[in-house]
Amino acid sequence: MDDLTGARWRKSTRSSSNGGACVEVADNLPGVVLVRDTKDRDGGTLTFEPAAWASFVGLARDIGPVS
């Protein structure tokens, strides 16, 4: 996917507000979910198929926070 101009980014609800390790997700484009590092928005974007992203989020939710 080359045209990401329509991506609407949102910060992860698990991200802290103190400038720590944060990710942003854009899931408004058809057929793709985008993920990037909040601290390095120009550093690259990971792309996932929506089903793969949903599986990842579901698994992360089931596992819970890591200490």
PDB file of N, CA and C in Angstrom:
ATOM      1  N   MET A   1       0.852  -1.170   0.000  1.00  0.00           N
ATOM      2  CA  MET A   1       0.000   0.000   0.000  1.00  0.00           C
ATOM      3  C   MET A   1       0.891   1.223   0.000  1.00  0.00           C
ATOM      4  N   ASP A   2       0.746   2.055  -1.001  1.00  0.00           N
ATOM      5  CA  ASP A   2       1.598   3.228  -1.131  1.00  0.00           C
ATOM      6  C   ASP A   2       0.961   4.504  -0.593  1.00  0.00           C
ATOM      7  N   ASP A   3      -0.346   4.667  -0.754  1.00  0.00           N
ATOM      8  CA  ASP A   3      -1.007   5.907  -0.367  1.00  0.00           C
ATOM      9  C   ASP A   3      -1.587   5.785   1.034  1.00  0.00           C
ATOM     10  N   LEU A   4      -0.899   6.371   1.987  1.00  0.00           N
ATOM     11  CA  LEU A   4      -1.339   6.343   3.381  1.00  0.00           C
ATOM     12  C   LEU A   4      -1.898   7.690   3.824  1.00  0.00           C
ATOM     13  N   THR A   5      -2.120   8.601   2.873  1.00  0.00           N
ATOM     14  CA  THR A   5      -2.533   9.957   3.221  1.00  0.00           C
ATOM     15  C   THR A   5      -3.880  10.007   3.930  1.00  0.00           C
ATOM     16  N   GLY A   6      -4.737   9.030   3.713  1.00  0.00           N
ATOM     17  CA  GLY A   6      -6.042   9.030   4.362  1.00  0.00           C
ATOM     18  C   GLY A   6      -6.052   8.365   5.727  1.00  0.00           C
ATOM     19  N   ALA A   7      -4.893   7.917   6.181  1.00  0.00           N
ATOM     20  CA  ALA A   7      -4.828   7.213   7.468  1.00  0.00           C
ATOM     21  C   ALA A   7      -5.164   8.165   8.610  1.00  0.00           C
ATOM     22  N   ARG A   8      -6.050   7.719   9.477  1.00  0.00           N
ATOM     23  CA  ARG A   8      -6.382   8.475  10.698  1.00  0.00           C
ATOM     24  C   ARG A   8      -5.727   7.739  11.866  1.00  0.00           C
ATOM     25  N   TRP A   9      -4.688   8.331  12.399  1.00  0.00           N
ATOM     26  CA  TRP A   9      -3.891   7.704  13.444  1.00  0.00           C
ATOM     27  C   TRP A   9      -4.484   7.984  14.814  1.00  0.00           C
ATOM     28  N   ARG A  10      -4.407   6.973  15.670  1.00  0.00           N
ATOM     29  CA  ARG A  10      -4.806   7.144  17.066  1.00  0.00           C
ATOM     30  C   ARG A  10      -3.769   6.449  17.931  1.00  0.00           C
ATOM     31  N   LYS A  11      -3.548   7.020  19.087  1.00  0.00           N
ATOM     32  CA  LYS A  11      -2.560   6.484  20.020  1.00  0.00           C
ATOM     33  C   LYS A  11      -3.163   5.298  20.764  1.00  0.00           C
ATOM     34  N   SER A  12      -2.356   4.322  21.019  1.00  0.00           N
ATOM     35  CA  SER A  12      -2.794   3.154  21.764  1.00  0.00           C
ATOM     36  C   SER A  12      -3.331   3.553  23.132  1.00  0.00           C
ATOM     37  N   THR A  13      -4.398   2.918  23.559  1.00  0.00           N
ATOM     38  CA  THR A  13      -4.952   3.192  24.886  1.00  0.00           C
ATOM     39  C   THR A  13      -4.013   2.716  25.984  1.00  0.00           C
ATOM     40  N   ARG A  14      -3.068   1.848  25.656  1.00  0.00           N
ATOM     41  CA  ARG A  14      -2.095   1.344  26.633  1.00  0.00           C
ATOM     42  C   ARG A  14      -0.848   2.216  26.719  1.00  0.00           C
ATOM     43  N   SER A  15      -0.758   3.224  25.870  1.00  0.00           N
ATOM     44  CA  SER A  15       0.403   4.105  25.888  1.00  0.00           C
ATOM     45  C   SER A  15       0.321   5.050  27.075  1.00  0.00           C
ATOM     46  N   SER A  16       1.457   5.320  27.661  1.00  0.00           N
ATOM     47  CA  SER A  16       1.485   6.245  28.790  1.00  0.00           C
ATOM     48  C   SER A  16       1.533   7.680  28.273  1.00  0.00           C
ATOM     49  N   SER A  17       1.239   8.604  29.126  1.00  0.00           N
ATOM     50  CA  SER A  17       1.254  10.012  28.735  1.00  0.00           C
ATOM     51  C   SER A  17       2.587  10.688  29.048  1.00  0.00           C
ATOM     52  N   ASN A  18       3.580   9.931  29.502  1.00  0.00           N
ATOM     53  CA  ASN A  18       4.853  10.529  29.897  1.00  0.00           C
ATOM     54  C   ASN A  18       5.938  10.395  28.831  1.00  0.00           C
ATOM     55  N   GLY A  19       5.546  10.168  27.586  1.00  0.00           N
ATOM     56  CA  GLY A  19       6.529  10.092  26.512  1.00  0.00           C
ATOM     57  C   GLY A  19       7.223   8.755  26.405  1.00  0.00           C
ATOM     58  N   GLY A  20       6.666   7.735  27.016  1.00  0.00           N
ATOM     59  CA  GLY A  20       7.269   6.407  26.977  1.00  0.00           C
ATOM     60  C   GLY A  20       7.050   5.707  25.647  1.00  0.00           C
ATOM     61  N   ALA A  21       7.171   4.412  25.654  1.00  0.00           N
ATOM     62  CA  ALA A  21       7.018   3.609  24.449  1.00  0.00           C
ATOM     63  C   ALA A  21       5.557   3.620  24.008  1.00  0.00           C
ATOM     64  N   CYS A  22       5.289   4.235  22.870  1.00  0.00           N
ATOM     65  CA  CYS A  22       3.924   4.371  22.383  1.00  0.00           C
ATOM     66  C   CYS A  22       3.820   3.925  20.933  1.00  0.00           C
ATOM     67  N   VAL A  23       2.667   3.443  20.584  1.00  0.00           N
ATOM     68  CA  VAL A  23       2.378   3.133  19.192  1.00  0.00           C
ATOM     69  C   VAL A  23       1.097   3.840  18.794  1.00  0.00           C
ATOM     70  N   GLU A  24       0.981   4.070  17.478  1.00  0.00           N
ATOM     71  CA  GLU A  24      -0.233   4.614  16.903  1.00  0.00           C
ATOM     72  C   GLU A  24      -0.750   3.615  15.887  1.00  0.00           C
ATOM     73  N   VAL A  25      -2.065   3.554  15.773  1.00  0.00           N
ATOM     74  CA  VAL A  25      -2.716   2.617  14.867  1.00  0.00           C
ATOM     75  C   VAL A  25      -3.667   3.392  13.970  1.00  0.00           C
ATOM     76  N   ALA A  26      -3.698   3.022  12.705  1.00  0.00           N
ATOM     77  CA  ALA A  26      -4.696   3.547  11.767  1.00  0.00           C
ATOM     78  C   ALA A  26      -5.420   2.338  11.187  1.00  0.00           C
ATOM     79  N   ASP A  27      -6.706   2.238  11.487  1.00  0.00           N
ATOM     80  CA  ASP A  27      -7.479   1.094  10.993  1.00  0.00           C
ATOM     81  C   ASP A  27      -8.684   1.534  10.169  1.00  0.00           C
ATOM     82  N   ASN A  28      -8.593   2.714   9.578  1.00  0.00           N
ATOM     83  CA  ASN A  28      -9.702   3.238   8.796  1.00  0.00           C
ATOM     84  C   ASN A  28      -9.573   3.004   7.295  1.00  0.00           C
ATOM     85  N   LEU A  29      -8.455   2.490   6.839  1.00  0.00           N
ATOM     86  CA  LEU A  29      -8.269   2.237   5.410  1.00  0.00           C
ATOM     87  C   LEU A  29      -8.741   0.825   5.065  1.00  0.00           C
ATOM     88  N   PRO A  30      -9.332   0.644   3.895  1.00  0.00           N
ATOM     89  CA  PRO A  30      -9.848  -0.679   3.539  1.00  0.00           C
ATOM     90  C   PRO A  30      -8.740  -1.720   3.363  1.00  0.00           C
ATOM     91  N   GLY A  31      -8.908  -2.856   4.046  1.00  0.00           N
ATOM     92  CA  GLY A  31      -8.026  -3.997   3.843  1.00  0.00           C
ATOM     93  C   GLY A  31      -6.667  -3.934   4.500  1.00  0.00           C
ATOM     94  N   VAL A  32      -6.428  -2.950   5.371  1.00  0.00           N
ATOM     95  CA  VAL A  32      -5.109  -2.826   5.979  1.00  0.00           C
ATOM     96  C   VAL A  32      -5.213  -2.120   7.334  1.00  0.00           C
ATOM     97  N   VAL A  33      -4.350  -2.524   8.256  1.00  0.00           N
ATOM     98  CA  VAL A  33      -4.184  -1.839   9.538  1.00  0.00           C
ATOM     99  C   VAL A  33      -2.727  -1.406   9.601  1.00  0.00           C
ATOM    100  N   LEU A  34      -2.498  -0.151   9.930  1.00  0.00           N
ATOM    101  CA  LEU A  34      -1.157   0.414   9.967  1.00  0.00           C
ATOM    102  C   LEU A  34      -0.741   0.657  11.412  1.00  0.00           C
ATOM    103  N   VAL A  35       0.529   0.438  11.702  1.00  0.00           N
ATOM    104  CA  VAL A  35       1.067   0.650  13.050  1.00  0.00           C
ATOM    105  C   VAL A  35       2.407   1.364  12.912  1.00  0.00           C
ATOM    106  N   ARG A  36       2.609   2.384  13.756  1.00  0.00           N
ATOM    107  CA  ARG A  36       3.878   3.112  13.736  1.00  0.00           C
ATOM    108  C   ARG A  36       4.264   3.526  15.154  1.00  0.00           C
ATOM    109  N   ASP A  37       5.525   3.884  15.321  1.00  0.00           N
ATOM    110  CA  ASP A  37       6.073   4.348  16.595  1.00  0.00           C
ATOM    111  C   ASP A  37       5.765   5.833  16.739  1.00  0.00           C
ATOM    112  N   THR A  38       5.131   6.217  17.827  1.00  0.00           N
ATOM    113  CA  THR A  38       4.767   7.608  18.052  1.00  0.00           C
ATOM    114  C   THR A  38       5.997   8.520  18.077  1.00  0.00           C
ATOM    115  N   LYS A  39       7.103   8.024  18.610  1.00  0.00           N
ATOM    116  CA  LYS A  39       8.314   8.845  18.728  1.00  0.00           C
ATOM    117  C   LYS A  39       9.059   8.996  17.404  1.00  0.00           C
ATOM    118  N   ASP A  40       8.750   8.144  16.427  1.00  0.00           N
ATOM    119  CA  ASP A  40       9.456   8.172  15.141  1.00  0.00           C
ATOM    120  C   ASP A  40       8.453   7.940  14.015  1.00  0.00           C
ATOM    121  N   ARG A  41       7.569   8.889  13.831  1.00  0.00           N
ATOM    122  CA  ARG A  41       6.477   8.730  12.864  1.00  0.00           C
ATOM    123  C   ARG A  41       6.956   8.576  11.432  1.00  0.00           C
ATOM    124  N   ASP A  42       8.138   9.050  11.111  1.00  0.00           N
ATOM    125  CA  ASP A  42       8.680   8.904   9.764  1.00  0.00           C
ATOM    126  C   ASP A  42       9.590   7.688   9.638  1.00  0.00           C
ATOM    127  N   GLY A  43       9.742   6.924  10.717  1.00  0.00           N
ATOM    128  CA  GLY A  43      10.681   5.815  10.744  1.00  0.00           C
ATOM    129  C   GLY A  43      10.185   4.537  10.102  1.00  0.00           C
ATOM    130  N   GLY A  44       8.964   4.507   9.660  1.00  0.00           N
ATOM    131  CA  GLY A  44       8.437   3.307   9.018  1.00  0.00           C
ATOM    132  C   GLY A  44       7.080   2.940   9.578  1.00  0.00           C
ATOM    133  N   THR A  45       6.354   2.190   8.801  1.00  0.00           N
ATOM    134  CA  THR A  45       5.006   1.771   9.173  1.00  0.00           C
ATOM    135  C   THR A  45       4.864   0.281   8.938  1.00  0.00           C
ATOM    136  N   LEU A  46       4.367  -0.413   9.925  1.00  0.00           N
ATOM    137  CA  LEU A  46       4.052  -1.830   9.768  1.00  0.00           C
ATOM    138  C   LEU A  46       2.642  -1.946   9.212  1.00  0.00           C
ATOM    139  N   THR A  47       2.417  -2.893   8.317  1.00  0.00           N
ATOM    140  CA  THR A  47       1.086  -3.106   7.759  1.00  0.00           C
ATOM    141  C   THR A  47       0.632  -4.531   8.068  1.00  0.00           C
ATOM    142  N   PHE A  48      -0.635  -4.643   8.424  1.00  0.00           N
ATOM    143  CA  PHE A  48      -1.232  -5.932   8.763  1.00  0.00           C
ATOM    144  C   PHE A  48      -2.564  -6.080   8.051  1.00  0.00           C
ATOM    145  N   GLU A  49      -2.911  -7.303   7.723  1.00  0.00           N
ATOM    146  CA  GLU A  49      -4.264  -7.576   7.262  1.00  0.00           C
ATOM    147  C   GLU A  49      -5.171  -7.444   8.478  1.00  0.00           C
ATOM    148  N   PRO A  50      -6.397  -6.943   8.296  1.00  0.00           N
ATOM    149  CA  PRO A  50      -7.288  -6.744   9.443  1.00  0.00           C
ATOM    150  C   PRO A  50      -7.497  -8.002  10.288  1.00  0.00           C
ATOM    151  N   ALA A  51      -7.607  -9.175   9.668  1.00  0.00           N
ATOM    152  CA  ALA A  51      -7.806 -10.405  10.448  1.00  0.00           C
ATOM    153  C   ALA A  51      -6.585 -10.722  11.309  1.00  0.00           C
ATOM    154  N   ALA A  52      -5.392 -10.501  10.775  1.00  0.00           N
ATOM    155  CA  ALA A  52      -4.171 -10.742  11.543  1.00  0.00           C
ATOM    156  C   ALA A  52      -4.078  -9.765  12.715  1.00  0.00           C
ATOM    157  N   TRP A  53      -4.432  -8.506  12.480  1.00  0.00           N
ATOM    158  CA  TRP A  53      -4.398  -7.510  13.551  1.00  0.00           C
ATOM    159  C   TRP A  53      -5.406  -7.868  14.639  1.00  0.00           C
ATOM    160  N   ALA A  54      -6.614  -8.267  14.242  1.00  0.00           N
ATOM    161  CA  ALA A  54      -7.643  -8.644  15.215  1.00  0.00           C
ATOM    162  C   ALA A  54      -7.175  -9.828  16.059  1.00  0.00           C
ATOM    163  N   SER A  55      -6.501 -10.786  15.438  1.00  0.00           N
ATOM    164  CA  SER A  55      -5.972 -11.935  16.187  1.00  0.00           C
ATOM    165  C   SER A  55      -4.918 -11.491  17.192  1.00  0.00           C
ATOM    166  N   PHE A  56      -4.022 -10.607  16.763  1.00  0.00           N
ATOM    167  CA  PHE A  56      -2.982 -10.100  17.651  1.00  0.00           C
ATOM    168  C   PHE A  56      -3.589  -9.362  18.846  1.00  0.00           C
ATOM    169  N   VAL A  57      -4.522  -8.459  18.577  1.00  0.00           N
ATOM    170  CA  VAL A  57      -5.149  -7.685  19.656  1.00  0.00           C
ATOM    171  C   VAL A  57      -5.899  -8.604  20.609  1.00  0.00           C
ATOM    172  N   GLY A  58      -6.602  -9.592  20.065  1.00  0.00           N
ATOM    173  CA  GLY A  58      -7.319 -10.540  20.919  1.00  0.00           C
ATOM    174  C   GLY A  58      -6.391 -11.337  21.818  1.00  0.00           C
ATOM    175  N   LEU A  59      -5.278 -11.790  21.256  1.00  0.00           N
ATOM    176  CA  LEU A  59      -4.297 -12.538  22.037  1.00  0.00           C
ATOM    177  C   LEU A  59      -3.666 -11.649  23.108  1.00  0.00           C
ATOM    178  N   ALA A  60      -3.313 -10.432  22.739  1.00  0.00           N
ATOM    179  CA  ALA A  60      -2.734  -9.506  23.714  1.00  0.00           C
ATOM    180  C   ALA A  60      -3.711  -9.210  24.836  1.00  0.00           C
ATOM    181  N   ARG A  61      -4.975  -9.082  24.497  1.00  0.00           N
ATOM    182  CA  ARG A  61      -5.993  -8.827  25.521  1.00  0.00           C
ATOM    183  C   ARG A  61      -6.126 -10.024  26.456  1.00  0.00           C
ATOM    184  N   ASP A  62      -6.075 -11.226  25.891  1.00  0.00           N
ATOM    185  CA  ASP A  62      -6.189 -12.445  26.707  1.00  0.00           C
ATOM    186  C   ASP A  62      -5.010 -12.625  27.643  1.00  0.00           C
ATOM    187  N   ILE A  63      -3.808 -12.290  27.159  1.00  0.00           N
ATOM    188  CA  ILE A  63      -2.603 -12.441  27.970  1.00  0.00           C
ATOM    189  C   ILE A  63      -2.560 -11.385  29.072  1.00  0.00           C
ATOM    190  N   GLY A  64      -2.947 -10.162  28.756  1.00  0.00           N
ATOM    191  CA  GLY A  64      -2.934  -9.086  29.738  1.00  0.00           C
ATOM    192  C   GLY A  64      -1.602  -8.401  29.811  1.00  0.00           C
ATOM    193  N   PRO A  65      -1.476  -7.444  30.705  1.00  0.00           N
ATOM    194  CA  PRO A  65      -0.248  -6.658  30.831  1.00  0.00           C
ATOM    195  C   PRO A  65       0.942  -7.528  31.230  1.00  0.00           C
ATOM    196  N   VAL A  66       2.097  -7.170  30.718  1.00  0.00           N
ATOM    197  CA  VAL A  66       3.339  -7.850  31.051  1.00  0.00           C
ATOM    198  C   VAL A  66       4.094  -6.991  32.048  1.00  0.00           C
ATOM    199  N   SER A  67       4.535  -7.590  33.127  1.00  0.00           N
ATOM    200  CA  SER A  67       5.261  -6.815  34.155  1.00  0.00           C
ATOM    201  C   SER A  67       6.734  -6.760  33.855  1.00  0.00           C
TER     202      SER A  67
END
